[in-house]
């Protein structure tokens, strides 16, 4: 992963990959479409919301975040 980790982009891309609508997604996470677009614009989301999104989309976004963090740590220790 590169230095520009953006969870909202990953969520939007996964929704598109699954060919799901924003309306469907909003219903699944119990919010309105405007909030979904706000989520897509966020660099990070809180853990509770990310857990719900991960369950709904059947993708572990925490793993994506952990892999990013691991790459940051590994790159910062290389001299």
N, C-alpha and C. Protein backbone atom coordinates (compact mmCIF):
# COMPACT_ATOMS: atom_id res chain seq x y z
N UNK A 1 0.84 -1.19 0.00
CA UNK A 1 0.00 0.00 0.00
C UNK A 1 0.87 1.24 0.00
N UNK A 2 0.35 2.28 -0.55
CA UNK A 2 1.15 3.50 -0.57
C UNK A 2 0.85 4.37 0.64
N UNK A 3 1.48 5.50 0.73
CA UNK A 3 1.35 6.39 1.87
C UNK A 3 0.02 7.12 1.92
N UNK A 4 -0.81 7.01 0.91
CA UNK A 4 -2.07 7.75 0.85
C UNK A 4 -3.25 6.85 1.16
N UNK A 5 -3.22 6.16 2.30
CA UNK A 5 -4.31 5.30 2.70
C UNK A 5 -5.58 6.13 2.90
N UNK A 6 -6.67 5.67 2.34
CA UNK A 6 -7.95 6.40 2.42
C UNK A 6 -9.07 5.37 2.51
N UNK A 7 -9.59 5.15 3.71
CA UNK A 7 -10.59 4.11 3.93
C UNK A 7 -11.86 4.36 3.13
N UNK A 8 -12.26 5.61 3.00
CA UNK A 8 -13.48 5.93 2.24
C UNK A 8 -13.39 5.47 0.80
N UNK A 9 -12.24 5.65 0.20
CA UNK A 9 -12.03 5.20 -1.17
C UNK A 9 -12.11 3.68 -1.26
N UNK A 10 -11.52 2.99 -0.29
CA UNK A 10 -11.59 1.53 -0.29
C UNK A 10 -13.03 1.04 -0.15
N UNK A 11 -13.79 1.69 0.70
CA UNK A 11 -15.19 1.31 0.89
C UNK A 11 -15.98 1.55 -0.40
N UNK A 12 -15.81 2.72 -0.99
CA UNK A 12 -16.52 3.02 -2.24
C UNK A 12 -16.13 2.05 -3.35
N UNK A 13 -14.85 1.75 -3.45
CA UNK A 13 -14.38 0.82 -4.48
C UNK A 13 -14.95 -0.58 -4.27
N UNK A 14 -15.04 -1.00 -3.02
CA UNK A 14 -15.61 -2.32 -2.73
C UNK A 14 -17.10 -2.34 -3.05
N UNK A 15 -17.79 -1.29 -2.73
CA UNK A 15 -19.22 -1.19 -3.06
C UNK A 15 -19.40 -1.28 -4.57
N UNK A 16 -18.59 -0.58 -5.31
CA UNK A 16 -18.65 -0.63 -6.78
C UNK A 16 -18.28 -2.01 -7.31
N UNK A 17 -17.27 -2.64 -6.71
CA UNK A 17 -16.85 -3.97 -7.14
C UNK A 17 -18.00 -4.96 -6.99
N UNK A 18 -18.75 -4.80 -5.92
CA UNK A 18 -19.89 -5.68 -5.67
C UNK A 18 -21.14 -5.25 -6.45
N UNK A 19 -21.02 -4.18 -7.19
CA UNK A 19 -22.13 -3.64 -7.97
C UNK A 19 -23.36 -3.36 -7.11
N UNK A 20 -23.10 -2.76 -5.96
CA UNK A 20 -24.16 -2.38 -5.02
C UNK A 20 -24.39 -0.88 -5.14
N UNK A 21 -25.62 -0.47 -4.93
CA UNK A 21 -25.95 0.95 -5.00
C UNK A 21 -25.69 1.64 -3.66
N UNK A 22 -25.54 2.93 -3.72
CA UNK A 22 -25.38 3.72 -2.51
C UNK A 22 -26.65 3.62 -1.66
N UNK A 23 -27.79 3.56 -2.31
CA UNK A 23 -29.06 3.42 -1.59
C UNK A 23 -29.08 2.10 -0.81
N UNK A 24 -28.66 1.01 -1.45
CA UNK A 24 -28.58 -0.28 -0.77
C UNK A 24 -27.65 -0.18 0.43
N UNK A 25 -26.47 0.41 0.22
CA UNK A 25 -25.47 0.54 1.28
C UNK A 25 -26.03 1.36 2.44
N UNK A 26 -26.67 2.46 2.13
CA UNK A 26 -27.26 3.32 3.18
C UNK A 26 -28.26 2.53 4.01
N UNK A 27 -29.09 1.76 3.35
CA UNK A 27 -30.08 0.93 4.07
C UNK A 27 -29.38 -0.08 4.98
N UNK A 28 -28.32 -0.67 4.49
CA UNK A 28 -27.61 -1.71 5.25
C UNK A 28 -26.93 -1.17 6.49
N UNK A 29 -26.40 0.05 6.41
CA UNK A 29 -25.70 0.62 7.57
C UNK A 29 -26.56 1.64 8.32
N UNK A 30 -27.85 1.68 7.94
CA UNK A 30 -28.83 2.49 8.65
C UNK A 30 -28.47 3.98 8.67
N UNK A 31 -28.28 4.53 7.49
CA UNK A 31 -28.03 5.96 7.37
C UNK A 31 -28.61 6.45 6.05
N UNK A 32 -28.45 7.73 5.75
CA UNK A 32 -28.95 8.22 4.47
C UNK A 32 -27.81 8.28 3.45
N UNK A 33 -28.17 8.49 2.21
CA UNK A 33 -27.19 8.50 1.12
C UNK A 33 -26.13 9.58 1.33
N UNK A 34 -26.54 10.72 1.85
CA UNK A 34 -25.60 11.82 2.08
C UNK A 34 -24.49 11.38 3.04
N UNK A 35 -24.87 10.65 4.07
CA UNK A 35 -23.87 10.15 5.02
C UNK A 35 -22.93 9.17 4.34
N UNK A 36 -23.45 8.35 3.43
CA UNK A 36 -22.59 7.42 2.69
C UNK A 36 -21.53 8.19 1.89
N UNK A 37 -21.94 9.22 1.22
CA UNK A 37 -20.97 10.01 0.45
C UNK A 37 -19.95 10.67 1.37
N UNK A 38 -20.40 11.04 2.57
CA UNK A 38 -19.47 11.59 3.57
C UNK A 38 -18.45 10.52 3.98
N UNK A 39 -18.92 9.29 4.16
CA UNK A 39 -18.01 8.19 4.50
C UNK A 39 -16.99 7.99 3.39
N UNK A 40 -17.43 8.01 2.14
CA UNK A 40 -16.51 7.83 1.01
C UNK A 40 -15.43 8.92 0.97
N UNK A 41 -15.75 10.09 1.50
CA UNK A 41 -14.81 11.21 1.49
C UNK A 41 -13.83 11.18 2.66
N UNK A 42 -14.11 10.35 3.64
CA UNK A 42 -13.27 10.30 4.85
C UNK A 42 -12.01 9.48 4.64
N UNK A 43 -10.94 9.98 5.23
CA UNK A 43 -9.68 9.23 5.21
C UNK A 43 -9.75 8.07 6.20
N UNK A 44 -10.45 8.26 7.32
CA UNK A 44 -10.63 7.22 8.33
C UNK A 44 -12.05 7.30 8.87
N UNK A 45 -12.56 6.20 9.40
CA UNK A 45 -13.86 6.18 10.07
C UNK A 45 -13.68 5.50 11.43
N UNK A 46 -14.64 5.73 12.33
CA UNK A 46 -14.48 5.14 13.66
C UNK A 46 -14.64 3.62 13.61
N UNK A 47 -14.15 2.96 14.63
CA UNK A 47 -14.10 1.49 14.65
C UNK A 47 -15.49 0.87 14.59
N UNK A 48 -16.43 1.41 15.32
CA UNK A 48 -17.78 0.84 15.32
C UNK A 48 -18.40 0.88 13.93
N UNK A 49 -18.25 2.02 13.27
CA UNK A 49 -18.79 2.15 11.93
C UNK A 49 -18.05 1.24 10.95
N UNK A 50 -16.74 1.15 11.08
CA UNK A 50 -15.96 0.31 10.19
C UNK A 50 -16.32 -1.17 10.38
N UNK A 51 -16.61 -1.56 11.60
CA UNK A 51 -17.02 -2.94 11.86
C UNK A 51 -18.34 -3.24 11.13
N UNK A 52 -19.29 -2.33 11.24
CA UNK A 52 -20.59 -2.52 10.58
C UNK A 52 -20.41 -2.59 9.06
N UNK A 53 -19.59 -1.70 8.51
CA UNK A 53 -19.35 -1.68 7.07
C UNK A 53 -18.65 -2.97 6.63
N UNK A 54 -17.70 -3.43 7.41
CA UNK A 54 -16.98 -4.67 7.09
C UNK A 54 -17.94 -5.86 7.03
N UNK A 55 -18.86 -5.91 7.97
CA UNK A 55 -19.83 -7.01 8.01
C UNK A 55 -20.75 -6.93 6.80
N UNK A 56 -21.27 -5.74 6.52
CA UNK A 56 -22.21 -5.56 5.42
C UNK A 56 -21.58 -5.91 4.08
N UNK A 57 -20.33 -5.49 3.88
CA UNK A 57 -19.66 -5.71 2.59
C UNK A 57 -18.83 -7.00 2.56
N UNK A 58 -18.83 -7.74 3.67
CA UNK A 58 -18.09 -9.00 3.75
C UNK A 58 -16.62 -8.81 3.38
N UNK A 59 -16.04 -7.74 3.91
CA UNK A 59 -14.62 -7.46 3.69
C UNK A 59 -14.05 -6.89 4.98
N UNK A 60 -12.92 -7.40 5.38
CA UNK A 60 -12.29 -6.95 6.61
C UNK A 60 -11.42 -5.71 6.33
N UNK A 61 -12.03 -4.55 6.50
CA UNK A 61 -11.30 -3.30 6.27
C UNK A 61 -10.26 -3.06 7.36
N UNK A 62 -10.42 -3.71 8.51
CA UNK A 62 -9.40 -3.62 9.55
C UNK A 62 -8.11 -4.25 9.07
N UNK A 63 -8.21 -5.31 8.29
CA UNK A 63 -7.02 -5.95 7.73
C UNK A 63 -6.31 -4.98 6.78
N UNK A 64 -7.10 -4.27 5.95
CA UNK A 64 -6.50 -3.29 5.05
C UNK A 64 -5.75 -2.23 5.84
N UNK A 65 -6.36 -1.76 6.92
CA UNK A 65 -5.72 -0.75 7.75
C UNK A 65 -4.46 -1.31 8.41
N UNK A 66 -4.55 -2.54 8.92
CA UNK A 66 -3.39 -3.16 9.57
C UNK A 66 -2.23 -3.34 8.59
N UNK A 67 -2.55 -3.75 7.37
CA UNK A 67 -1.50 -3.91 6.35
C UNK A 67 -0.85 -2.57 6.03
N UNK A 68 -1.66 -1.54 5.96
CA UNK A 68 -1.10 -0.20 5.72
C UNK A 68 -0.18 0.20 6.86
N UNK A 69 -0.67 0.03 8.09
CA UNK A 69 0.13 0.41 9.26
C UNK A 69 1.43 -0.38 9.31
N UNK A 70 1.35 -1.65 8.98
CA UNK A 70 2.55 -2.50 8.95
C UNK A 70 3.56 -1.97 7.93
N UNK A 71 3.08 -1.54 6.77
CA UNK A 71 3.99 -1.02 5.75
C UNK A 71 4.61 0.29 6.20
N UNK A 72 3.86 1.10 6.92
CA UNK A 72 4.39 2.37 7.43
C UNK A 72 5.49 2.09 8.44
N UNK A 73 5.22 1.16 9.37
CA UNK A 73 6.22 0.81 10.39
C UNK A 73 7.47 0.24 9.73
N UNK A 74 7.28 -0.67 8.79
CA UNK A 74 8.43 -1.29 8.12
C UNK A 74 9.25 -0.25 7.35
N UNK A 75 8.58 0.66 6.68
CA UNK A 75 9.29 1.70 5.91
C UNK A 75 9.99 2.69 6.82
N UNK A 76 9.45 2.93 8.01
CA UNK A 76 10.07 3.91 8.90
C UNK A 76 11.28 3.32 9.61
N UNK A 77 11.37 2.00 9.67
CA UNK A 77 12.51 1.37 10.33
C UNK A 77 13.65 1.05 9.38
N UNK A 78 13.39 1.16 8.07
CA UNK A 78 14.43 0.90 7.09
C UNK A 78 15.35 2.12 7.00
N UNK A 79 16.65 1.87 7.08
CA UNK A 79 17.61 2.97 7.01
C UNK A 79 18.60 2.73 5.93
